[in-house]
Amino acid sequence: MKPSVHPCPVPPDSSINRFLPNADFVDSQCISDDRLERTALRHALNMMSTTPAWIDGLMQLRNRIVGLFGLKDLGRLTRIDLSRADVDYRENDRVGIFTLISNQPDEVMLADCDKHLDVYLTLHRSPVTAQGTRTLTLSTVVHTHNLLGRLYMLPVAPFHRLIVPITLRNASRH
């Protein structure tokens, strides 16, 4: 049986909670996982590296369109080096389209901050249950800074809610 991804609250001990006040967009989704040895960072790397090609294609389209408005090209979600050890990642390193903010075994925080909006993302691992599983929670918080950021989020928010379950399910499978 495929693990089910479903909306859930942001974990109370998640570091992303400090960004919740006045957020313009919040999404938190979770899945049960039995790969107990994987760190939160390794789950995030697997999640991004297994992004379906059509989603990566949407990112490339996004990069071309936003370039017309002077926004930065984020690159590709799948540009991940899975052979790089978790311990080799440092704060401010690029991880796919994001910058690594913090890296703990049970939670990794990534961000992309720009003139139009700030995006914060955490992948959080809960403690192991009696059944030998953990809950993985992917939480996203966005703060827009101007009209361009608010307009940008209009199409992005629905796509985000479509894409997160796909990538979170892929991460738990691989």
N, C-alpha and C. Protein backbone atom coordinates (compact mmCIF):
# COMPACT_ATOMS: atom_id res chain seq x y z
N MET A 1 0.83 -1.18 0.00
CA MET A 1 0.00 0.00 0.00
C MET A 1 0.88 1.24 0.00
N LYS A 2 0.52 2.21 -0.87
CA LYS A 2 1.26 3.46 -0.94
C LYS A 2 1.02 4.28 0.32
N PRO A 3 2.09 4.89 0.82
CA PRO A 3 1.87 5.79 1.96
C PRO A 3 1.04 6.99 1.51
N SER A 4 0.22 7.47 2.39
CA SER A 4 -0.69 8.57 2.08
C SER A 4 -0.10 9.89 2.57
N VAL A 5 -0.13 10.89 1.70
CA VAL A 5 0.28 12.24 2.06
C VAL A 5 -0.98 13.01 2.39
N HIS A 6 -0.95 13.74 3.49
CA HIS A 6 -2.13 14.52 3.86
C HIS A 6 -1.72 15.81 4.57
N PRO A 7 -2.58 16.83 4.47
CA PRO A 7 -2.31 18.09 5.18
C PRO A 7 -2.25 17.82 6.68
N CYS A 8 -1.40 18.57 7.36
CA CYS A 8 -1.24 18.41 8.81
C CYS A 8 -0.74 19.73 9.39
N PRO A 9 -0.81 19.87 10.70
CA PRO A 9 -0.26 21.09 11.31
C PRO A 9 1.26 21.10 11.22
N VAL A 10 1.82 22.29 11.25
CA VAL A 10 3.27 22.42 11.36
C VAL A 10 3.67 21.81 12.70
N PRO A 11 4.69 20.94 12.74
CA PRO A 11 5.09 20.36 14.03
C PRO A 11 5.42 21.45 15.05
N PRO A 12 4.97 21.28 16.28
CA PRO A 12 5.18 22.33 17.28
C PRO A 12 6.64 22.64 17.56
N ASP A 13 7.53 21.65 17.36
CA ASP A 13 8.95 21.87 17.62
C ASP A 13 9.75 22.24 16.37
N SER A 14 9.05 22.53 15.27
CA SER A 14 9.72 22.87 14.02
C SER A 14 10.28 24.29 14.07
N SER A 15 11.46 24.45 13.51
CA SER A 15 12.09 25.78 13.48
C SER A 15 11.37 26.74 12.55
N ILE A 16 10.51 26.24 11.68
CA ILE A 16 9.79 27.11 10.76
C ILE A 16 8.70 27.91 11.48
N ASN A 17 8.35 27.50 12.69
CA ASN A 17 7.31 28.20 13.45
C ASN A 17 7.62 29.68 13.64
N ARG A 18 8.90 30.03 13.71
CA ARG A 18 9.24 31.45 13.91
C ARG A 18 8.89 32.31 12.70
N PHE A 19 8.62 31.69 11.54
CA PHE A 19 8.26 32.42 10.34
C PHE A 19 6.75 32.46 10.10
N LEU A 20 5.98 31.79 10.95
CA LEU A 20 4.53 31.74 10.76
C LEU A 20 3.82 33.09 10.95
N PRO A 21 4.20 33.92 11.92
CA PRO A 21 3.47 35.19 12.08
C PRO A 21 3.47 36.02 10.79
N ASN A 22 2.28 36.46 10.42
CA ASN A 22 2.08 37.32 9.24
C ASN A 22 2.45 36.66 7.92
N ALA A 23 2.51 35.33 7.87
CA ALA A 23 2.82 34.64 6.62
C ALA A 23 1.68 34.83 5.62
N ASP A 24 2.06 34.93 4.36
CA ASP A 24 1.08 35.07 3.29
C ASP A 24 0.65 33.73 2.72
N PHE A 25 1.44 32.70 2.97
CA PHE A 25 1.13 31.35 2.51
C PHE A 25 1.77 30.37 3.47
N VAL A 26 0.98 29.38 3.90
CA VAL A 26 1.49 28.31 4.76
C VAL A 26 0.92 27.00 4.25
N ASP A 27 1.78 26.01 4.11
CA ASP A 27 1.33 24.68 3.73
C ASP A 27 2.17 23.68 4.51
N SER A 28 1.53 22.67 5.05
CA SER A 28 2.23 21.62 5.78
C SER A 28 1.57 20.30 5.45
N GLN A 29 2.38 19.36 4.95
CA GLN A 29 1.85 18.05 4.57
C GLN A 29 2.80 16.98 5.11
N CYS A 30 2.22 15.83 5.44
CA CYS A 30 3.03 14.78 6.06
C CYS A 30 2.74 13.41 5.49
N ILE A 31 3.68 12.51 5.76
CA ILE A 31 3.61 11.13 5.30
C ILE A 31 4.33 10.25 6.33
N SER A 32 3.87 9.03 6.47
CA SER A 32 4.55 8.07 7.34
C SER A 32 5.68 7.42 6.56
N ASP A 33 6.81 7.18 7.23
CA ASP A 33 7.97 6.62 6.55
C ASP A 33 8.67 5.63 7.47
N ASP A 34 9.20 4.55 6.88
CA ASP A 34 9.89 3.55 7.69
C ASP A 34 11.39 3.51 7.44
N ARG A 35 11.92 4.48 6.74
CA ARG A 35 13.37 4.57 6.52
C ARG A 35 13.98 5.39 7.66
N LEU A 36 14.16 4.73 8.77
CA LEU A 36 14.53 5.40 10.00
C LEU A 36 15.96 5.95 10.00
N GLU A 37 16.83 5.37 9.18
CA GLU A 37 18.23 5.78 9.19
C GLU A 37 18.47 7.09 8.44
N ARG A 38 17.54 7.49 7.59
CA ARG A 38 17.73 8.70 6.79
C ARG A 38 17.56 9.96 7.63
N THR A 39 18.48 10.89 7.43
CA THR A 39 18.35 12.19 8.07
C THR A 39 17.30 13.02 7.34
N ALA A 40 16.88 14.09 7.95
CA ALA A 40 15.94 14.99 7.30
C ALA A 40 16.54 15.53 5.99
N LEU A 41 17.82 15.87 6.02
CA LEU A 41 18.47 16.37 4.81
C LEU A 41 18.44 15.32 3.71
N ARG A 42 18.74 14.07 4.05
CA ARG A 42 18.75 13.01 3.03
C ARG A 42 17.36 12.81 2.44
N HIS A 43 16.34 12.90 3.27
CA HIS A 43 14.97 12.84 2.74
C HIS A 43 14.72 14.00 1.78
N ALA A 44 15.16 15.20 2.14
CA ALA A 44 14.96 16.37 1.28
C ALA A 44 15.71 16.21 -0.04
N LEU A 45 16.94 15.72 0.03
CA LEU A 45 17.71 15.50 -1.19
C LEU A 45 17.02 14.48 -2.09
N ASN A 46 16.55 13.38 -1.50
CA ASN A 46 15.83 12.37 -2.29
C ASN A 46 14.55 12.95 -2.88
N MET A 47 13.86 13.77 -2.10
CA MET A 47 12.62 14.38 -2.56
C MET A 47 12.88 15.23 -3.80
N MET A 48 13.90 16.08 -3.72
CA MET A 48 14.18 16.96 -4.86
C MET A 48 14.72 16.19 -6.06
N SER A 49 15.57 15.21 -5.82
CA SER A 49 16.17 14.47 -6.94
C SER A 49 15.17 13.60 -7.68
N THR A 50 14.07 13.23 -7.03
CA THR A 50 13.06 12.39 -7.68
C THR A 50 11.87 13.21 -8.18
N THR A 51 12.06 14.51 -8.26
CA THR A 51 10.99 15.37 -8.80
C THR A 51 10.70 14.93 -10.23
N PRO A 52 9.44 14.69 -10.56
CA PRO A 52 9.10 14.30 -11.93
C PRO A 52 9.55 15.35 -12.95
N ALA A 53 9.89 14.88 -14.15
CA ALA A 53 10.41 15.76 -15.21
C ALA A 53 9.43 16.89 -15.53
N TRP A 54 8.12 16.62 -15.48
CA TRP A 54 7.17 17.68 -15.83
C TRP A 54 7.20 18.82 -14.82
N ILE A 55 7.51 18.51 -13.55
CA ILE A 55 7.62 19.55 -12.54
C ILE A 55 8.90 20.35 -12.77
N ASP A 56 9.99 19.66 -13.07
CA ASP A 56 11.24 20.36 -13.38
C ASP A 56 11.06 21.23 -14.62
N GLY A 57 10.27 20.75 -15.56
CA GLY A 57 9.97 21.54 -16.75
C GLY A 57 9.21 22.82 -16.40
N LEU A 58 8.28 22.71 -15.45
CA LEU A 58 7.56 23.91 -14.99
C LEU A 58 8.53 24.90 -14.33
N MET A 59 9.53 24.38 -13.61
CA MET A 59 10.53 25.27 -13.01
C MET A 59 11.33 25.99 -14.09
N GLN A 60 11.67 25.29 -15.16
CA GLN A 60 12.41 25.94 -16.25
C GLN A 60 11.54 27.01 -16.91
N LEU A 61 10.25 26.73 -17.10
CA LEU A 61 9.33 27.72 -17.64
C LEU A 61 9.23 28.92 -16.71
N ARG A 62 9.11 28.64 -15.40
CA ARG A 62 9.07 29.70 -14.39
C ARG A 62 10.30 30.59 -14.50
N ASN A 63 11.47 29.97 -14.64
CA ASN A 63 12.71 30.73 -14.72
C ASN A 63 12.75 31.66 -15.93
N ARG A 64 12.24 31.19 -17.07
CA ARG A 64 12.20 32.02 -18.27
C ARG A 64 11.23 33.19 -18.10
N ILE A 65 10.06 32.91 -17.53
CA ILE A 65 9.04 33.96 -17.39
C ILE A 65 9.47 35.02 -16.38
N VAL A 66 9.92 34.60 -15.20
CA VAL A 66 10.26 35.58 -14.17
C VAL A 66 11.50 36.39 -14.54
N GLY A 67 12.34 35.84 -15.41
CA GLY A 67 13.50 36.59 -15.89
C GLY A 67 13.09 37.87 -16.61
N LEU A 68 11.91 37.84 -17.23
CA LEU A 68 11.39 39.04 -17.90
C LEU A 68 11.08 40.15 -16.91
N PHE A 69 10.87 39.79 -15.65
CA PHE A 69 10.54 40.76 -14.61
C PHE A 69 11.72 41.06 -13.69
N GLY A 70 12.89 40.57 -14.07
CA GLY A 70 14.09 40.85 -13.29
C GLY A 70 14.29 39.95 -12.08
N LEU A 71 13.56 38.85 -12.01
CA LEU A 71 13.72 37.93 -10.89
C LEU A 71 14.75 36.87 -11.25
N LYS A 72 15.35 36.27 -10.23
CA LYS A 72 16.46 35.35 -10.47
C LYS A 72 16.00 33.99 -10.98
N ASP A 73 16.89 33.40 -11.74
CA ASP A 73 16.73 32.03 -12.23
C ASP A 73 17.17 31.12 -11.10
N LEU A 74 16.26 30.28 -10.61
CA LEU A 74 16.56 29.40 -9.49
C LEU A 74 17.26 28.11 -9.90
N GLY A 75 17.26 27.81 -11.19
CA GLY A 75 17.84 26.55 -11.63
C GLY A 75 16.80 25.44 -11.59
N ARG A 76 17.26 24.22 -11.41
CA ARG A 76 16.38 23.06 -11.45
C ARG A 76 16.28 22.41 -10.07
N LEU A 77 15.09 21.95 -9.75
CA LEU A 77 14.87 21.23 -8.49
C LEU A 77 15.74 19.98 -8.41
N THR A 78 15.93 19.32 -9.53
CA THR A 78 16.62 18.03 -9.55
C THR A 78 18.14 18.14 -9.58
N ARG A 79 18.68 19.34 -9.55
CA ARG A 79 20.13 19.49 -9.58
C ARG A 79 20.69 19.19 -8.18
N ILE A 80 20.73 17.91 -7.87
CA ILE A 80 21.13 17.42 -6.56
C ILE A 80 22.22 16.38 -6.73
N ASP A 81 23.25 16.44 -5.90
CA ASP A 81 24.33 15.46 -5.91
C ASP A 81 24.06 14.46 -4.78
N LEU A 82 23.45 13.33 -5.11
CA LEU A 82 23.12 12.34 -4.09
C LEU A 82 24.36 11.63 -3.52
N SER A 83 25.50 11.75 -4.18
CA SER A 83 26.70 11.11 -3.66
C SER A 83 27.38 11.96 -2.59
N ARG A 84 27.00 13.21 -2.47
CA ARG A 84 27.59 14.10 -1.46
C ARG A 84 27.04 13.71 -0.08
N ALA A 85 27.93 13.53 0.87
CA ALA A 85 27.55 13.11 2.23
C ALA A 85 26.82 14.24 2.95
N ASP A 86 25.89 13.87 3.80
CA ASP A 86 25.12 14.86 4.57
C ASP A 86 26.04 15.78 5.37
N VAL A 87 27.09 15.23 5.95
CA VAL A 87 28.00 16.02 6.79
C VAL A 87 28.78 17.05 5.99
N ASP A 88 28.82 16.92 4.66
CA ASP A 88 29.55 17.87 3.83
C ASP A 88 28.74 19.13 3.52
N TYR A 89 27.46 19.13 3.88
CA TYR A 89 26.62 20.31 3.64
C TYR A 89 26.82 21.30 4.79
N ARG A 90 26.96 22.56 4.42
CA ARG A 90 27.14 23.65 5.39
C ARG A 90 26.05 24.70 5.18
N GLU A 91 25.81 25.47 6.22
CA GLU A 91 24.86 26.58 6.08
C GLU A 91 25.29 27.46 4.92
N ASN A 92 24.30 27.95 4.18
CA ASN A 92 24.46 28.80 3.00
C ASN A 92 24.86 28.05 1.74
N ASP A 93 25.03 26.71 1.81
CA ASP A 93 25.26 25.93 0.59
C ASP A 93 23.97 25.90 -0.22
N ARG A 94 24.12 25.79 -1.54
CA ARG A 94 22.96 25.61 -2.41
C ARG A 94 22.56 24.15 -2.37
N VAL A 95 21.25 23.92 -2.27
CA VAL A 95 20.68 22.58 -2.30
C VAL A 95 19.53 22.65 -3.30
N GLY A 96 19.81 22.23 -4.53
CA GLY A 96 18.79 22.40 -5.57
C GLY A 96 18.54 23.88 -5.80
N ILE A 97 17.29 24.30 -5.68
CA ILE A 97 16.94 25.71 -5.91
C ILE A 97 16.98 26.52 -4.62
N PHE A 98 17.34 25.89 -3.51
CA PHE A 98 17.28 26.54 -2.21
C PHE A 98 18.67 26.75 -1.60
N THR A 99 18.70 27.54 -0.54
CA THR A 99 19.90 27.74 0.27
C THR A 99 19.68 27.04 1.60
N LEU A 100 20.68 26.30 2.05
CA LEU A 100 20.58 25.60 3.33
C LEU A 100 20.71 26.60 4.48
N ILE A 101 19.69 26.65 5.32
CA ILE A 101 19.67 27.56 6.47
C ILE A 101 20.15 26.83 7.73
N SER A 102 19.62 25.64 7.95
CA SER A 102 20.05 24.84 9.10
C SER A 102 19.88 23.36 8.77
N ASN A 103 20.71 22.55 9.42
CA ASN A 103 20.71 21.12 9.14
C ASN A 103 20.93 20.35 10.43
N GLN A 104 19.86 19.74 10.91
CA GLN A 104 19.91 18.87 12.08
C GLN A 104 19.40 17.49 11.62
N PRO A 105 19.74 16.42 12.32
CA PRO A 105 19.28 15.10 11.88
C PRO A 105 17.75 15.01 11.70
N ASP A 106 17.00 15.72 12.57
CA ASP A 106 15.55 15.61 12.50
C ASP A 106 14.86 16.75 11.76
N GLU A 107 15.62 17.75 11.32
CA GLU A 107 14.98 18.82 10.56
C GLU A 107 16.02 19.58 9.74
N VAL A 108 15.67 19.79 8.48
CA VAL A 108 16.48 20.62 7.61
C VAL A 108 15.62 21.81 7.20
N MET A 109 16.22 23.01 7.21
CA MET A 109 15.52 24.20 6.75
C MET A 109 16.24 24.75 5.53
N LEU A 110 15.44 25.00 4.51
CA LEU A 110 15.93 25.57 3.26
C LEU A 110 15.17 26.86 3.01
N ALA A 111 15.75 27.75 2.23
CA ALA A 111 15.07 29.01 1.95
C ALA A 111 15.48 29.53 0.59
N ASP A 112 14.64 30.39 0.06
CA ASP A 112 14.97 31.21 -1.10
C ASP A 112 14.40 32.59 -0.80
N CYS A 113 15.26 33.55 -0.66
CA CYS A 113 14.83 34.91 -0.34
C CYS A 113 15.17 35.81 -1.52
N ASP A 114 14.20 36.61 -1.93
CA ASP A 114 14.34 37.47 -3.09
C ASP A 114 13.63 38.78 -2.79
N LYS A 115 13.71 39.72 -3.70
CA LYS A 115 13.11 41.03 -3.47
C LYS A 115 11.59 40.98 -3.43
N HIS A 116 10.98 39.96 -4.04
CA HIS A 116 9.52 39.90 -4.09
C HIS A 116 8.91 38.99 -3.03
N LEU A 117 9.67 38.00 -2.54
CA LEU A 117 9.16 37.12 -1.49
C LEU A 117 10.27 36.31 -0.86
N ASP A 118 9.98 35.79 0.33
CA ASP A 118 10.87 34.86 1.03
C ASP A 118 10.13 33.55 1.21
N VAL A 119 10.77 32.47 0.82
CA VAL A 119 10.20 31.13 0.96
C VAL A 119 11.06 30.35 1.94
N TYR A 120 10.41 29.77 2.94
CA TYR A 120 11.09 28.92 3.92
C TYR A 120 10.44 27.55 3.85
N LEU A 121 11.28 26.53 3.90
CA LEU A 121 10.79 25.16 3.78
C LEU A 121 11.54 24.31 4.79
N THR A 122 10.81 23.48 5.52
CA THR A 122 11.46 22.52 6.41
C THR A 122 10.96 21.11 6.11
N LEU A 123 11.86 20.17 6.24
CA LEU A 123 11.49 18.76 6.26
C LEU A 123 11.83 18.28 7.66
N HIS A 124 10.81 17.84 8.38
CA HIS A 124 10.92 17.52 9.80
C HIS A 124 10.62 16.03 9.99
N ARG A 125 11.46 15.34 10.78
CA ARG A 125 11.23 13.94 11.13
C ARG A 125 10.73 13.88 12.57
N SER A 126 9.63 13.18 12.78
CA SER A 126 9.13 12.98 14.14
C SER A 126 9.92 11.84 14.79
N PRO A 127 9.81 11.70 16.11
CA PRO A 127 10.41 10.52 16.76
C PRO A 127 9.81 9.23 16.22
N VAL A 128 10.55 8.15 16.35
CA VAL A 128 10.09 6.84 15.88
C VAL A 128 8.93 6.36 16.75
N THR A 129 7.90 5.85 16.09
CA THR A 129 6.73 5.34 16.80
C THR A 129 6.98 3.89 17.24
N ALA A 130 6.08 3.36 18.04
CA ALA A 130 6.16 1.96 18.47
C ALA A 130 6.06 1.01 17.28
N GLN A 131 5.44 1.45 16.19
CA GLN A 131 5.30 0.64 14.98
C GLN A 131 6.54 0.69 14.09
N GLY A 132 7.55 1.45 14.50
CA GLY A 132 8.78 1.53 13.73
C GLY A 132 8.70 2.47 12.53
N THR A 133 7.92 3.51 12.63
CA THR A 133 7.82 4.49 11.55
C THR A 133 8.03 5.89 12.13
N ARG A 134 8.20 6.83 11.25
CA ARG A 134 8.29 8.25 11.60
C ARG A 134 7.30 8.99 10.71
N THR A 135 6.94 10.17 11.13
CA THR A 135 6.19 11.06 10.26
C THR A 135 7.17 12.08 9.70
N LEU A 136 7.15 12.21 8.38
CA LEU A 136 7.91 13.25 7.70
C LEU A 136 6.93 14.37 7.38
N THR A 137 7.26 15.59 7.78
CA THR A 137 6.40 16.73 7.53
C THR A 137 7.17 17.76 6.72
N LEU A 138 6.60 18.10 5.58
CA LEU A 138 7.16 19.15 4.74
C LEU A 138 6.31 20.39 4.93
N SER A 139 6.92 21.43 5.50
CA SER A 139 6.20 22.68 5.77
C SER A 139 6.82 23.80 4.97
N THR A 140 5.96 24.65 4.42
CA THR A 140 6.39 25.78 3.61
C THR A 140 5.72 27.04 4.13
N VAL A 141 6.49 28.10 4.27
CA VAL A 141 5.98 29.41 4.69
C VAL A 141 6.51 30.44 3.71
N VAL A 142 5.62 31.30 3.24
CA VAL A 142 6.00 32.35 2.29
C VAL A 142 5.57 33.70 2.83
N HIS A 143 6.49 34.65 2.75
CA HIS A 143 6.20 36.05 3.06
C HIS A 143 6.42 36.84 1.78
N THR A 144 5.37 37.48 1.28
CA THR A 144 5.51 38.32 0.10
C THR A 144 5.89 39.73 0.55
N HIS A 145 6.63 40.43 -0.31
CA HIS A 145 7.10 41.78 0.02
C HIS A 145 6.42 42.88 -0.78
N ASN A 146 5.79 42.51 -1.88
CA ASN A 146 5.23 43.54 -2.75
C ASN A 146 4.18 42.91 -3.67
N LEU A 147 3.64 43.73 -4.54
CA LEU A 147 2.59 43.27 -5.46
C LEU A 147 3.10 42.14 -6.34
N LEU A 148 4.34 42.24 -6.80
CA LEU A 148 4.89 41.18 -7.64
C LEU A 148 4.91 39.85 -6.91
N GLY A 149 5.27 39.86 -5.63
CA GLY A 149 5.26 38.63 -4.84
C GLY A 149 3.87 38.05 -4.69
N ARG A 150 2.90 38.92 -4.45
CA ARG A 150 1.51 38.45 -4.31
C ARG A 150 0.99 37.89 -5.63
N LEU A 151 1.31 38.56 -6.75
CA LEU A 151 0.89 38.06 -8.06
C LEU A 151 1.59 36.74 -8.39
N TYR A 152 2.84 36.64 -8.03
CA TYR A 152 3.61 35.42 -8.27
C TYR A 152 2.97 34.22 -7.57
N MET A 153 2.49 34.44 -6.35
CA MET A 153 1.92 33.34 -5.56
C MET A 153 0.56 32.88 -6.07
N LEU A 154 -0.14 33.70 -6.85
CA LEU A 154 -1.46 33.29 -7.34
C LEU A 154 -1.41 31.97 -8.10
N PRO A 155 -0.54 31.80 -9.09
CA PRO A 155 -0.47 30.48 -9.75
C PRO A 155 0.39 29.48 -8.99
N VAL A 156 1.36 29.96 -8.21
CA VAL A 156 2.30 29.06 -7.54
C VAL A 156 1.62 28.28 -6.41
N ALA A 157 0.76 28.93 -5.63
CA ALA A 157 0.13 28.26 -4.49
C ALA A 157 -0.62 26.98 -4.88
N PRO A 158 -1.49 27.02 -5.90
CA PRO A 158 -2.17 25.76 -6.27
C PRO A 158 -1.20 24.69 -6.78
N PHE A 159 -0.19 25.11 -7.56
CA PHE A 159 0.80 24.14 -8.04
C PHE A 159 1.58 23.55 -6.88
N HIS A 160 1.91 24.38 -5.91
CA HIS A 160 2.63 23.90 -4.73
C HIS A 160 1.85 22.78 -4.04
N ARG A 161 0.56 23.00 -3.85
CA ARG A 161 -0.27 21.99 -3.16
C ARG A 161 -0.44 20.72 -3.98
N LEU A 162 -0.23 20.80 -5.28
CA LEU A 162 -0.26 19.63 -6.15
C LEU A 162 1.08 18.91 -6.15
N ILE A 163 2.15 19.68 -6.18
CA ILE A 163 3.49 19.12 -6.32
C ILE A 163 4.02 18.49 -5.03
N VAL A 164 3.75 19.10 -3.89
CA VAL A 164 4.30 18.61 -2.62
C VAL A 164 3.92 17.15 -2.35
N PRO A 165 2.66 16.75 -2.47
CA PRO A 165 2.36 15.33 -2.21
C PRO A 165 3.12 14.38 -3.14
N ILE A 166 3.29 14.78 -4.39
CA ILE A 166 4.00 13.92 -5.35
C ILE A 166 5.45 13.76 -4.93
N THR A 167 6.11 14.87 -4.62
CA THR A 167 7.53 14.79 -4.27
C THR A 167 7.74 14.15 -2.90
N LEU A 168 6.85 14.41 -1.96
CA LEU A 168 6.96 13.79 -0.63
C LEU A 168 6.76 12.28 -0.72
N ARG A 169 5.83 11.83 -1.52
CA ARG A 169 5.61 10.39 -1.70
C ARG A 169 6.83 9.76 -2.39
N ASN A 170 7.39 10.45 -3.40
CA ASN A 170 8.58 9.94 -4.08
C ASN A 170 9.75 9.82 -3.11
N ALA A 171 9.91 10.79 -2.23
CA ALA A 171 11.03 10.76 -1.28
C ALA A 171 10.92 9.56 -0.34
N SER A 172 9.72 9.21 0.04
CA SER A 172 9.58 8.10 0.97
C SER A 172 9.75 6.75 0.26
N ARG A 173 9.60 6.73 -1.06
CA ARG A 173 9.76 5.48 -1.81
C ARG A 173 11.21 5.20 -2.15
N HIS A 174 12.00 6.21 -2.42
CA HIS A 174 13.38 6.03 -2.92
C HIS A 174 14.38 6.11 -1.79
